[in-house]
Amino acid sequence: MEYKKLQTDLVIIGDGVAALALAYLAAQREIRTVILGKGLPGTTHSATGLIAPRPDYLISDEELVQRTAFECSRWVKLFYPQILKPQRFLIPIGPELPYSVRTFRSLLKRYDEIAKIRLTGLGNHFIISQTHLEKMEPNFRKNNINGAIAFGEWTVDPAVLLKKLGWETSIYTDFVKRFKINDFKEFKIHGGLIEEVIALDATGNMVIKISNDRGPLVVVNATGPWIKDVCARLGICIDYQLKTGVQLEIPGWYFQSGVVTFGSDGKYLVCLQKKGVLQVGPTNSDFSGHPDSFTPSDKETEYLTTALRNILEDKRLPPHSFLKHGFRVKATAVDTNRPVIWNHSKAGLSNMYSLHPGKISLALLAGDEMLDKVISDGWLAKPRIFMGNPICLDGCQKLRNEIKLLFLKIQSLFHLVYKTP
């Protein structure tokens, strides 16, 4: 058996977008980092491909929408035009709209204002008439779709995003080492601190021993829906819920543009036309089992196909298949789409953290917040490279945010009640 010993400052467990973004940012700060992952197709691979703020989040968290728009601009700066591309999306105006057209337009007007930084090359939203829409999208239902709301967003192939981010991280050979592992053999703990992480590599022929010659390690668990598994190895209980998202792949050519429609519960559904297939989803169901034992149900299939049939002239669909499924981690303490950081000092491991980015587009923000947190906790020295003021969506402007939203909430409620056209 071969043994490999490494000295590092930061151990990241996981190799999804949160883990790779954290490693990339740590390397820029010249923090020695080791990534340990299993190469599983996790949450990032299962994303729809939209890397954008959501206009429907405005009612609950305007600050998050504004920040997410800025984060999109960071991704665009990093990866455009290599892998990100702008795309036009349409919201069909019909009975499937959960609110009135006027409510949507008021939301999108505000969205254009506060998320303007994401709009480079995209432009503001606009209305497409029914006549024009029929020429653009002949497959939409003719009798009850009265035009569409058009807006632009950035899209990305999630698998390509991961590959590109991994490549960008690998450039920092002096600071980042990445290993594909089979499992962990041991976490050596002394005085409430993890002093050594020992893992077996994917071949089963090499044992990797990781410690820090400068002080305590920092261990960050960024394994998405498998966060609980890693914590359980260390006797840590962590509380969060899982939401499952299923996407279908339907053969055929249906739309020229991307389409946002709505399920029976009023949730956003994204239809992305690709070469010869239409990607439809995701669902948003509660899931209480283990991520490895999930099986999509007929109920989820029906939810997606019904929503699609509602906007198609020809309701017949060819045989289709599940494209992919994924999970969203939702903290139980607070309902948020912001990054979430758990410190496990109460469980007796002060240098152990778990991290979830909230949304893929916030992975860079989550990485910055994670590094600022461990530095402020005293586990890492302040970097020699100055990265600017700490970035933190801590809600310190919550009251001002709520006051700004009050008028929009009242306006939306009025339109909802009266269903103003």
Protein backbone atom coordinates (compact mmCIF):
# COMPACT_ATOMS: atom_id res chain seq x y z
CA MET A 1 0.00 0.00 0.00
CA GLU A 2 1.37 3.40 -1.02
CA TYR A 3 1.22 6.32 1.42
CA LYS A 4 1.14 9.98 0.49
CA LYS A 5 1.59 12.69 3.15
CA LEU A 6 0.49 16.26 2.50
CA GLN A 7 0.73 19.49 4.47
CA THR A 8 -2.05 21.97 3.82
CA ASP A 9 -4.15 24.70 5.42
CA LEU A 10 -7.58 23.77 4.08
CA VAL A 11 -9.24 20.43 3.33
CA ILE A 12 -12.38 20.61 1.19
CA ILE A 13 -14.60 17.53 1.13
CA GLY A 14 -16.59 17.43 -2.11
CA ASP A 15 -15.95 18.34 -5.73
CA GLY A 16 -19.13 20.14 -6.82
CA VAL A 17 -19.44 23.82 -7.66
CA ALA A 18 -19.28 24.97 -4.01
CA ALA A 19 -16.10 22.96 -3.34
CA LEU A 20 -14.34 24.00 -6.55
CA ALA A 21 -15.32 27.66 -6.19
CA LEU A 22 -13.98 27.64 -2.62
CA ALA A 23 -10.70 26.03 -3.76
CA TYR A 24 -10.36 28.51 -6.63
CA LEU A 25 -10.83 31.51 -4.33
CA ALA A 26 -8.54 30.02 -1.65
CA ALA A 27 -5.79 29.58 -4.23
CA GLN A 28 -6.14 33.21 -5.27
CA ARG A 29 -5.53 34.11 -1.62
CA GLU A 30 -2.50 31.75 -1.61
CA ILE A 31 -4.11 29.36 0.89
CA ARG A 32 -2.87 25.77 0.53
CA THR A 33 -5.84 23.54 -0.29
CA VAL A 34 -6.58 19.85 -0.79
CA ILE A 35 -9.82 18.76 -2.48
CA LEU A 36 -11.18 15.28 -1.69
CA GLY A 37 -14.14 14.16 -3.80
CA LYS A 38 -15.75 11.10 -5.33
CA GLY A 39 -16.58 12.58 -8.72
CA LEU A 40 -20.30 11.93 -8.23
CA PRO A 41 -22.82 13.71 -10.50
CA GLY A 42 -24.35 15.76 -7.71
CA THR A 43 -26.51 18.86 -7.43
CA THR A 44 -24.54 20.97 -9.91
CA HIS A 45 -24.87 18.41 -12.71
CA SER A 46 -28.64 18.35 -12.12
CA ALA A 47 -29.21 22.11 -12.45
CA THR A 48 -31.42 23.54 -15.19
CA GLY A 49 -28.63 25.62 -16.72
CA LEU A 50 -29.95 29.06 -15.74
CA ILE A 51 -27.29 30.98 -13.83
CA ALA A 52 -29.36 34.02 -12.93
CA PRO A 53 -31.27 35.72 -10.13
CA ARG A 54 -34.95 34.81 -9.93
CA PRO A 55 -37.40 37.72 -10.36
CA ASP A 56 -40.00 35.91 -8.23
CA TYR A 57 -37.63 36.10 -5.24
CA LEU A 58 -38.06 39.89 -5.20
CA ILE A 59 -41.05 39.76 -2.88
CA SER A 60 -39.14 37.94 -0.15
CA ASP A 61 -35.55 39.10 -0.59
CA GLU A 62 -34.70 42.01 -2.88
CA GLU A 63 -31.15 42.21 -1.53
CA LEU A 64 -30.53 38.59 -2.58
CA VAL A 65 -31.76 39.24 -6.13
CA GLN A 66 -29.48 42.26 -6.42
CA ARG A 67 -26.50 40.36 -5.06
CA THR A 68 -27.21 37.34 -7.28
CA ALA A 69 -27.21 39.62 -10.32
CA PHE A 70 -23.75 40.85 -9.30
CA GLU A 71 -22.59 37.25 -8.81
CA CYS A 72 -23.81 36.45 -12.33
CA SER A 73 -21.60 39.24 -13.61
CA ARG A 74 -18.64 37.59 -11.84
CA TRP A 75 -19.34 34.29 -13.61
CA VAL A 76 -19.76 36.08 -16.93
CA LYS A 77 -16.44 37.87 -16.43
CA LEU A 78 -14.75 34.53 -15.70
CA PHE A 79 -16.34 32.30 -18.32
CA TYR A 80 -17.88 34.34 -21.15
CA PRO A 81 -17.78 33.68 -24.06
CA GLN A 82 -16.20 30.26 -23.43
CA ILE A 83 -19.15 28.50 -21.79
CA LEU A 84 -21.82 31.04 -20.79
CA LYS A 85 -24.30 32.23 -23.39
CA PRO A 86 -27.17 34.74 -23.34
CA GLN A 87 -30.62 33.42 -24.20
CA ARG A 88 -34.07 34.90 -24.64
CA PHE A 89 -36.84 33.47 -22.46
CA LEU A 90 -40.61 33.81 -22.88
CA ILE A 91 -43.33 33.69 -20.24
CA PRO A 92 -46.55 32.83 -22.13
CA ILE A 93 -49.47 35.07 -21.15
CA GLY A 94 -52.30 32.67 -20.46
CA PRO A 95 -54.29 30.97 -17.68
CA GLU A 96 -51.14 29.29 -16.32
CA LEU A 97 -49.84 32.62 -14.99
CA PRO A 98 -50.13 32.50 -11.17
CA TYR A 99 -50.48 36.33 -11.07
CA SER A 100 -51.79 38.96 -13.42
CA VAL A 101 -49.74 40.28 -16.34
CA ARG A 102 -49.52 43.66 -14.63
CA THR A 103 -48.07 42.05 -11.51
CA PHE A 104 -45.46 40.24 -13.60
CA ARG A 105 -44.55 43.42 -15.42
CA SER A 106 -44.18 45.34 -12.16
CA LEU A 107 -41.92 42.57 -10.84
CA LEU A 108 -39.84 42.46 -14.01
CA LYS A 109 -39.57 46.24 -14.16
CA ARG A 110 -38.08 46.21 -10.67
CA TYR A 111 -35.99 43.17 -11.62
CA ASP A 112 -34.51 45.05 -14.59
CA GLU A 113 -33.64 47.96 -12.28
CA ILE A 114 -31.90 46.12 -9.47
CA ALA A 115 -30.47 43.24 -11.54
CA LYS A 116 -29.26 45.50 -14.34
CA ILE A 117 -25.64 44.41 -13.99
CA ARG A 118 -26.55 40.95 -15.30
CA LEU A 119 -28.08 42.45 -18.46
CA THR A 120 -24.91 43.12 -20.47
CA GLY A 121 -25.96 42.23 -24.00
CA LEU A 122 -29.43 41.07 -22.84
CA GLY A 123 -31.60 44.19 -22.54
CA ASN A 124 -34.76 44.83 -20.50
CA HIS A 125 -37.94 42.76 -20.60
CA PHE A 126 -40.62 43.54 -23.20
CA ILE A 127 -44.05 42.34 -24.36
CA ILE A 128 -44.52 40.25 -27.51
CA SER A 129 -47.96 40.50 -29.11
CA GLN A 130 -50.09 37.46 -29.82
CA THR A 131 -49.70 37.91 -33.59
CA HIS A 132 -45.93 38.16 -33.38
CA LEU A 133 -45.73 35.26 -30.92
CA GLU A 134 -47.63 32.96 -33.29
CA LYS A 135 -44.98 33.60 -35.94
CA MET A 136 -42.10 33.17 -33.46
CA GLU A 137 -43.44 30.13 -31.63
CA PRO A 138 -46.05 28.29 -33.74
CA ASN A 139 -46.32 25.43 -31.26
CA PHE A 140 -47.88 27.58 -28.53
CA ARG A 141 -51.64 27.16 -28.03
CA LYS A 142 -53.55 29.61 -30.18
CA ASN A 143 -56.83 29.99 -28.33
CA ASN A 144 -55.71 31.12 -24.87
CA ILE A 145 -52.12 32.42 -25.05
CA ASN A 146 -52.29 36.15 -25.61
CA GLY A 147 -48.67 37.00 -26.24
CA ALA A 148 -45.64 36.65 -23.99
CA ILE A 149 -43.28 38.51 -21.67
CA ALA A 150 -39.73 38.29 -23.03
CA PHE A 151 -36.53 38.70 -21.02
CA GLY A 152 -32.91 37.66 -21.31
CA GLU A 153 -30.78 35.49 -19.01
CA TRP A 154 -27.44 33.73 -18.99
CA THR A 155 -27.37 29.96 -19.42
CA VAL A 156 -24.65 27.36 -18.97
CA ASP A 157 -24.20 23.60 -19.27
CA PRO A 158 -23.64 22.66 -15.60
CA ALA A 159 -21.26 19.81 -16.44
CA VAL A 160 -19.16 22.11 -18.62
CA LEU A 161 -19.18 24.74 -15.86
CA LEU A 162 -17.75 22.21 -13.40
CA LYS A 163 -15.11 21.09 -15.87
CA LYS A 164 -14.08 24.67 -16.61
CA LEU A 165 -13.97 25.63 -12.92
CA GLY A 166 -11.90 22.53 -12.18
CA TRP A 167 -9.46 23.49 -14.92
CA GLU A 168 -9.18 27.07 -13.63
CA THR A 169 -8.47 25.68 -10.14
CA SER A 170 -5.83 23.25 -11.41
CA ILE A 171 -3.72 26.14 -12.73
CA TYR A 172 -2.71 26.95 -9.13
CA THR A 173 -0.44 23.91 -8.82
CA ASP A 174 1.51 25.38 -5.89
CA PHE A 175 -1.62 25.78 -3.78
CA VAL A 176 -4.26 23.22 -4.86
CA LYS A 177 -4.07 19.42 -4.86
CA ARG A 178 -7.09 17.38 -5.93
CA PHE A 179 -7.73 13.69 -5.26
CA LYS A 180 -10.53 11.36 -6.18
CA ILE A 181 -11.14 9.16 -3.16
CA ASN A 182 -12.92 5.92 -2.40
CA ASP A 183 -13.68 6.73 1.23
CA PHE A 184 -12.27 8.14 4.44
CA LYS A 185 -10.28 5.87 6.70
CA GLU A 186 -9.98 8.14 9.74
CA PHE A 187 -10.29 11.64 11.14
CA LYS A 188 -7.69 12.04 13.88
CA ILE A 189 -9.07 14.35 16.56
CA HIS A 190 -7.29 15.85 19.57
CA GLY A 191 -8.56 18.53 21.94
CA GLY A 192 -11.69 19.16 19.91
CA LEU A 193 -9.74 19.74 16.68
CA ILE A 194 -9.32 17.60 13.57
CA GLU A 195 -5.55 17.22 13.31
CA GLU A 196 -5.32 14.75 10.44
CA VAL A 197 -7.57 13.50 7.65
CA ILE A 198 -6.79 10.06 6.23
CA ALA A 199 -8.48 8.88 3.03
CA LEU A 200 -8.20 5.98 0.60
CA ASP A 201 -7.85 7.04 -3.02
CA ALA A 202 -10.23 5.85 -5.76
CA THR A 203 -7.85 3.09 -6.91
CA GLY A 204 -7.71 1.61 -3.42
CA ASN A 205 -3.91 1.51 -3.66
CA MET A 206 -2.92 4.75 -1.94
CA VAL A 207 -3.60 6.18 1.51
CA ILE A 208 -3.59 9.97 1.66
CA LYS A 209 -2.64 11.53 5.00
CA ILE A 210 -3.31 15.26 5.35
CA SER A 211 -2.24 17.52 8.19
CA ASN A 212 -1.09 21.11 8.71
CA ASP A 213 2.45 22.03 9.68
CA ARG A 214 1.39 25.61 10.46
CA GLY A 215 -1.41 24.93 12.93
CA PRO A 216 -4.87 23.35 12.97
CA LEU A 217 -6.44 22.23 9.71
CA VAL A 218 -9.62 23.84 8.44
CA VAL A 219 -12.03 21.17 7.19
CA VAL A 220 -14.98 22.24 5.04
CA ASN A 221 -17.72 19.76 4.17
CA ALA A 222 -19.18 20.90 0.82
CA THR A 223 -20.84 17.68 -0.32
CA GLY A 224 -24.33 19.05 -1.00
CA PRO A 225 -27.06 16.49 -0.25
CA TRP A 226 -24.41 14.17 1.24
CA ILE A 227 -23.40 16.69 3.93
CA LYS A 228 -25.16 14.56 6.57
CA ASP A 229 -23.15 11.47 5.58
CA VAL A 230 -19.82 13.21 6.20
CA CYS A 231 -21.06 14.71 9.47
CA ALA A 232 -22.31 11.30 10.66
CA ARG A 233 -18.77 9.91 10.27
CA LEU A 234 -17.72 12.44 12.89
CA GLY A 235 -20.74 11.95 15.17
CA ILE A 236 -22.26 15.30 14.17
CA CYS A 237 -25.99 15.82 13.75
CA ILE A 238 -26.91 18.49 11.22
CA ASP A 239 -30.44 19.62 10.45
CA TYR A 240 -31.62 20.45 6.95
CA GLN A 241 -34.30 19.39 4.49
CA LEU A 242 -33.90 18.10 0.96
CA LYS A 243 -35.96 19.20 -2.00
CA THR A 244 -35.82 17.02 -5.07
CA GLY A 245 -35.85 18.37 -8.61
CA VAL A 246 -36.61 16.08 -11.55
CA GLN A 247 -36.17 17.06 -15.20
CA LEU A 248 -37.57 15.30 -18.26
CA GLU A 249 -36.07 14.95 -21.71
CA ILE A 250 -38.71 14.97 -24.44
CA PRO A 251 -37.70 14.20 -28.05
CA GLY A 252 -38.57 16.81 -30.67
CA TRP A 253 -38.28 20.50 -31.50
CA TYR A 254 -40.89 22.62 -29.74
CA PHE A 255 -39.60 26.16 -29.13
CA GLN A 256 -37.19 28.66 -30.67
CA SER A 257 -36.68 30.43 -27.32
CA GLY A 258 -36.31 29.31 -23.75
CA VAL A 259 -39.70 29.17 -22.02
CA VAL A 260 -40.67 29.75 -18.41
CA THR A 261 -44.06 28.32 -17.51
CA PHE A 262 -45.68 27.26 -14.24
CA GLY A 263 -46.74 24.05 -12.57
CA SER A 264 -50.07 23.42 -10.90
CA ASP A 265 -48.60 24.83 -7.66
CA GLY A 266 -47.45 28.07 -9.33
CA LYS A 267 -43.75 27.13 -9.30
CA TYR A 268 -41.38 28.15 -12.10
CA LEU A 269 -40.68 25.50 -14.73
CA VAL A 270 -37.96 26.00 -17.33
CA CYS A 271 -38.16 24.58 -20.86
CA LEU A 272 -34.79 24.60 -22.64
CA GLN A 273 -34.76 23.53 -26.28
CA LYS A 274 -31.63 21.61 -27.17
CA LYS A 275 -30.59 19.62 -30.23
CA GLY A 276 -33.51 17.31 -30.88
CA VAL A 277 -34.81 17.30 -27.29
CA LEU A 278 -36.64 19.59 -24.88
CA GLN A 279 -35.43 19.74 -21.27
CA VAL A 280 -38.33 20.42 -18.88
CA GLY A 281 -38.16 20.97 -15.12
CA PRO A 282 -37.42 20.96 -12.32
CA THR A 283 -39.98 19.66 -9.88
CA ASN A 284 -39.71 20.88 -6.30
CA SER A 285 -40.78 18.05 -3.98
CA ASP A 286 -39.99 17.33 -0.35
CA PHE A 287 -37.68 14.34 0.09
CA SER A 288 -36.92 12.63 3.39
CA GLY A 289 -34.85 9.64 2.23
CA HIS A 290 -31.19 9.23 1.31
CA PRO A 291 -29.96 10.82 -1.95
CA ASP A 292 -28.61 7.48 -3.17
CA SER A 293 -32.03 5.80 -2.95
CA PHE A 294 -34.20 8.26 -4.88
CA THR A 295 -36.51 6.98 -7.64
CA PRO A 296 -38.57 9.49 -9.66
CA SER A 297 -42.30 8.94 -9.35
CA ASP A 298 -45.16 8.99 -11.87
CA LYS A 299 -46.55 11.99 -9.97
CA GLU A 300 -43.49 14.07 -10.86
CA THR A 301 -43.67 12.99 -14.49
CA GLU A 302 -47.33 13.96 -14.68
CA TYR A 303 -46.62 17.32 -13.03
CA LEU A 304 -44.11 18.23 -15.74
CA THR A 305 -45.93 16.82 -18.76
CA THR A 306 -49.22 18.46 -17.73
CA ALA A 307 -47.54 21.86 -17.44
CA LEU A 308 -46.01 21.43 -20.90
CA ARG A 309 -49.27 20.25 -22.50
CA ASN A 310 -51.03 23.32 -21.09
CA ILE A 311 -49.01 25.60 -23.37
CA LEU A 312 -48.76 23.40 -26.48
CA GLU A 313 -51.21 23.42 -29.39
CA ASP A 314 -50.65 19.71 -29.93
CA LYS A 315 -50.94 18.10 -26.51
CA ARG A 316 -49.59 14.75 -27.69
CA LEU A 317 -46.09 14.03 -26.43
CA PRO A 318 -43.77 11.27 -27.66
CA PRO A 319 -42.28 8.73 -25.26
CA HIS A 320 -39.96 10.57 -22.91
CA SER A 321 -37.41 9.76 -20.25
CA PHE A 322 -35.93 11.18 -17.08
CA LEU A 323 -32.99 13.39 -17.96
CA LYS A 324 -31.63 13.85 -14.45
CA HIS A 325 -32.60 14.57 -10.89
CA GLY A 326 -30.93 16.53 -8.12
CA PHE A 327 -31.42 17.85 -4.63
CA ARG A 328 -31.52 21.25 -2.99
CA VAL A 329 -30.37 21.61 0.61
CA LYS A 330 -32.75 23.82 2.58
CA ALA A 331 -31.73 24.86 6.08
CA THR A 332 -34.53 24.25 8.57
CA ALA A 333 -33.59 27.16 10.85
CA VAL A 334 -34.43 29.74 8.19
CA ASP A 335 -36.01 29.55 4.73
CA THR A 336 -33.32 31.09 2.56
CA ASN A 337 -31.66 30.75 -0.82
CA ARG A 338 -28.53 32.50 0.47
CA PRO A 339 -25.30 30.65 1.28
CA VAL A 340 -25.44 28.71 4.54
CA ILE A 341 -22.41 27.99 6.76
CA TRP A 342 -22.59 25.60 9.70
CA ASN A 343 -19.75 25.65 12.27
CA HIS A 344 -19.60 22.42 14.26
CA SER A 345 -17.95 23.78 17.42
CA LYS A 346 -21.06 22.89 19.46
CA ALA A 347 -20.48 19.28 18.44
CA GLY A 348 -16.89 19.52 19.70
CA LEU A 349 -15.09 20.16 16.40
CA SER A 350 -14.25 23.84 16.21
CA ASN A 351 -12.24 23.66 12.97
CA MET A 352 -14.96 21.78 11.06
CA TYR A 353 -17.52 23.56 8.86
CA SER A 354 -20.25 22.58 6.43
CA LEU A 355 -21.06 24.82 3.48
CA HIS A 356 -23.92 25.07 1.01
CA PRO A 357 -24.05 27.85 -1.60
CA GLY A 358 -27.84 28.20 -1.67
CA LYS A 359 -27.81 28.46 -5.47
CA ILE A 360 -25.16 27.63 -8.05
CA SER A 361 -24.83 31.27 -9.06
CA LEU A 362 -23.84 32.11 -5.46
CA ALA A 363 -20.97 29.60 -5.25
CA LEU A 364 -18.29 32.30 -5.55
CA LEU A 365 -20.05 34.39 -2.90
CA ALA A 366 -20.30 31.32 -0.64
CA GLY A 367 -16.57 30.70 -1.08
CA ASP A 368 -15.71 34.28 -0.18
CA GLU A 369 -17.95 34.17 2.90
CA MET A 370 -16.48 30.82 3.96
CA LEU A 371 -12.90 32.10 3.76
CA ASP A 372 -13.79 35.34 5.55
CA LYS A 373 -15.47 33.27 8.28
CA VAL A 374 -12.52 30.93 8.97
CA ILE A 375 -10.10 33.86 8.89
CA SER A 376 -12.25 35.83 11.36
CA ASP A 377 -12.49 32.70 13.56
CA GLY A 378 -8.68 32.67 13.71
CA TRP A 379 -8.02 29.38 11.91
CA LEU A 380 -6.28 30.95 8.93
CA ALA A 381 -3.97 33.93 8.81
CA LYS A 382 -5.07 36.95 6.84
CA PRO A 383 -3.84 36.46 3.27
CA ARG A 384 -0.95 38.47 1.96
CA ILE A 385 -3.04 39.22 -1.12
CA PHE A 386 -5.71 41.80 -0.29
CA MET A 387 -9.09 40.71 -1.69
CA GLY A 388 -11.06 43.85 -0.81
CA ASN A 389 -13.74 44.30 1.80
CA PRO A 390 -15.38 41.11 3.10
CA ILE A 391 -18.45 40.11 1.13
CA CYS A 392 -21.40 39.13 3.27
CA LEU A 393 -25.13 38.86 2.70
CA ASP A 394 -25.90 38.94 6.40
CA GLY A 395 -29.22 40.74 6.13
CA CYS A 396 -27.98 43.79 8.02
CA GLN A 397 -30.16 45.91 5.73
CA LYS A 398 -33.20 43.72 6.28
CA LEU A 399 -35.43 46.52 7.60
CA ARG A 400 -34.62 48.86 4.73
CA ASN A 401 -35.11 46.01 2.31
CA GLU A 402 -38.57 45.25 3.73
CA ILE A 403 -39.62 48.90 3.60
CA LYS A 404 -38.57 49.14 -0.05
CA LEU A 405 -40.57 46.01 -0.82
CA LEU A 406 -43.73 47.06 1.02
CA PHE A 407 -45.21 49.03 -1.87
CA LEU A 408 -44.46 46.24 -4.36
CA LYS A 409 -46.05 43.65 -2.06
CA ILE A 410 -49.23 45.73 -1.69
CA GLN A 411 -49.34 46.33 -5.44
CA SER A 412 -48.87 42.63 -6.21
CA LEU A 413 -51.52 41.62 -3.69
CA PHE A 414 -53.98 44.07 -5.24
CA HIS A 415 -53.39 42.66 -8.71
CA LEU A 416 -53.64 39.09 -7.42
CA VAL A 417 -56.98 39.71 -5.73
CA TYR A 418 -58.51 41.52 -8.68
CA LYS A 419 -56.63 39.51 -11.37
CA THR A 420 -56.00 42.72 -13.27
CA PRO A 421 -55.16 41.95 -16.93
